[in-house]
Amino acid sequence: MAPLRALTEDEVFLDLIDEMSPGVLKIQTPFLYVLMPMRISS
């Protein structure tokens, strides 16, 4: 995941609610990355 490669922190927090809600990656410094779910039908 590209945003994680740029971090120098060792601890990352991942907040999830369920499989269809956005998730959030946070660290202790001013950094916030929103993960948006995608439904792919095959």
N, C-alpha and C. Protein backbone atom coordinates (compact mmCIF):
# COMPACT_ATOMS: atom_id res chain seq x y z
N MET A 1 0.84 -1.16 0.00
CA MET A 1 0.00 0.00 0.00
C MET A 1 0.90 1.24 0.00
N ALA A 2 0.75 2.10 -0.96
CA ALA A 2 1.63 3.25 -1.18
C ALA A 2 1.71 4.21 0.01
N PRO A 3 0.61 4.57 0.68
CA PRO A 3 0.74 5.51 1.80
C PRO A 3 1.59 4.97 2.94
N LEU A 4 1.55 3.67 3.17
CA LEU A 4 2.33 3.09 4.26
C LEU A 4 3.83 3.11 3.99
N ARG A 5 4.23 3.09 2.75
CA ARG A 5 5.66 3.12 2.42
C ARG A 5 6.31 4.43 2.80
N ALA A 6 5.55 5.51 2.81
CA ALA A 6 6.09 6.84 3.11
C ALA A 6 6.20 7.11 4.62
N LEU A 7 5.61 6.26 5.44
CA LEU A 7 5.60 6.50 6.88
C LEU A 7 6.90 6.09 7.55
N THR A 8 7.27 6.82 8.59
CA THR A 8 8.43 6.45 9.39
C THR A 8 8.00 5.89 10.74
N GLU A 9 6.70 5.90 11.02
CA GLU A 9 6.16 5.39 12.28
C GLU A 9 6.15 3.86 12.30
N ASP A 10 6.29 3.29 13.48
CA ASP A 10 6.22 1.83 13.63
C ASP A 10 4.81 1.36 13.96
N GLU A 11 3.97 2.26 14.44
CA GLU A 11 2.63 1.89 14.89
C GLU A 11 1.59 2.58 14.00
N VAL A 12 0.67 1.78 13.46
CA VAL A 12 -0.40 2.28 12.59
C VAL A 12 -1.73 1.78 13.15
N PHE A 13 -2.72 2.65 13.19
CA PHE A 13 -4.05 2.29 13.68
C PHE A 13 -4.99 2.16 12.49
N LEU A 14 -5.74 1.09 12.44
CA LEU A 14 -6.70 0.83 11.38
C LEU A 14 -8.09 0.76 12.01
N ASP A 15 -8.94 1.71 11.66
CA ASP A 15 -10.31 1.75 12.18
C ASP A 15 -11.26 1.23 11.10
N LEU A 16 -11.98 0.16 11.43
CA LEU A 16 -12.96 -0.43 10.52
C LEU A 16 -14.29 -0.60 11.23
N ILE A 17 -15.39 -0.43 10.49
CA ILE A 17 -16.72 -0.65 11.05
C ILE A 17 -17.29 -1.96 10.51
N ASP A 18 -17.35 -2.07 9.19
CA ASP A 18 -17.82 -3.29 8.55
C ASP A 18 -17.23 -3.35 7.14
N GLU A 19 -17.61 -4.36 6.37
CA GLU A 19 -16.99 -4.58 5.06
C GLU A 19 -17.42 -3.58 3.99
N MET A 20 -18.47 -2.81 4.22
CA MET A 20 -18.94 -1.85 3.20
C MET A 20 -18.76 -0.39 3.61
N SER A 21 -18.22 -0.13 4.78
CA SER A 21 -17.98 1.24 5.23
C SER A 21 -16.52 1.62 5.01
N PRO A 22 -16.24 2.92 4.83
CA PRO A 22 -14.85 3.34 4.67
C PRO A 22 -14.03 3.01 5.92
N GLY A 23 -12.77 2.70 5.72
CA GLY A 23 -11.84 2.48 6.81
C GLY A 23 -10.87 3.64 6.88
N VAL A 24 -10.20 3.79 8.03
CA VAL A 24 -9.28 4.90 8.23
C VAL A 24 -7.96 4.37 8.79
N LEU A 25 -6.85 4.78 8.18
CA LEU A 25 -5.51 4.52 8.70
C LEU A 25 -5.03 5.79 9.40
N LYS A 26 -4.52 5.66 10.62
CA LYS A 26 -4.04 6.81 11.37
C LYS A 26 -2.71 6.47 12.02
N ILE A 27 -1.92 7.50 12.28
CA ILE A 27 -0.72 7.39 13.12
C ILE A 27 -0.75 8.56 14.08
N GLN A 28 0.26 8.69 14.95
CA GLN A 28 0.27 9.73 15.97
C GLN A 28 0.55 11.12 15.41
N THR A 29 1.09 11.23 14.21
CA THR A 29 1.36 12.54 13.61
C THR A 29 0.20 12.93 12.70
N PRO A 30 0.18 14.14 12.17
CA PRO A 30 -0.93 14.56 11.29
C PRO A 30 -0.95 13.79 9.97
N PHE A 31 -1.52 12.63 9.98
CA PHE A 31 -1.63 11.77 8.80
C PHE A 31 -2.97 11.06 8.90
N LEU A 32 -3.72 11.07 7.83
CA LEU A 32 -5.01 10.38 7.78
C LEU A 32 -5.19 9.85 6.37
N TYR A 33 -5.52 8.58 6.25
CA TYR A 33 -5.72 7.96 4.94
C TYR A 33 -7.03 7.20 4.99
N VAL A 34 -7.95 7.53 4.11
CA VAL A 34 -9.26 6.89 4.07
C VAL A 34 -9.26 5.79 3.04
N LEU A 35 -9.71 4.60 3.42
CA LEU A 35 -9.83 3.45 2.53
C LEU A 35 -11.29 3.29 2.14
N MET A 36 -11.56 3.36 0.86
CA MET A 36 -12.93 3.22 0.39
C MET A 36 -13.14 1.81 -0.17
N PRO A 37 -14.19 1.13 0.30
CA PRO A 37 -14.46 -0.22 -0.21
C PRO A 37 -15.00 -0.19 -1.64
N MET A 38 -14.72 -1.25 -2.36
CA MET A 38 -15.25 -1.41 -3.72
C MET A 38 -15.86 -2.79 -3.82
N ARG A 39 -17.03 -2.85 -4.37
CA ARG A 39 -17.66 -4.15 -4.59
C ARG A 39 -17.42 -4.54 -6.05
N ILE A 40 -16.81 -5.69 -6.24
CA ILE A 40 -16.51 -6.17 -7.59
C ILE A 40 -17.30 -7.45 -7.81
N SER A 41 -18.16 -7.43 -8.80
CA SER A 41 -18.92 -8.64 -9.09
C SER A 41 -18.27 -9.36 -10.26
N SER A 42 -18.22 -10.66 -10.17
CA SER A 42 -17.58 -11.43 -11.24
C SER A 42 -18.57 -12.27 -11.99
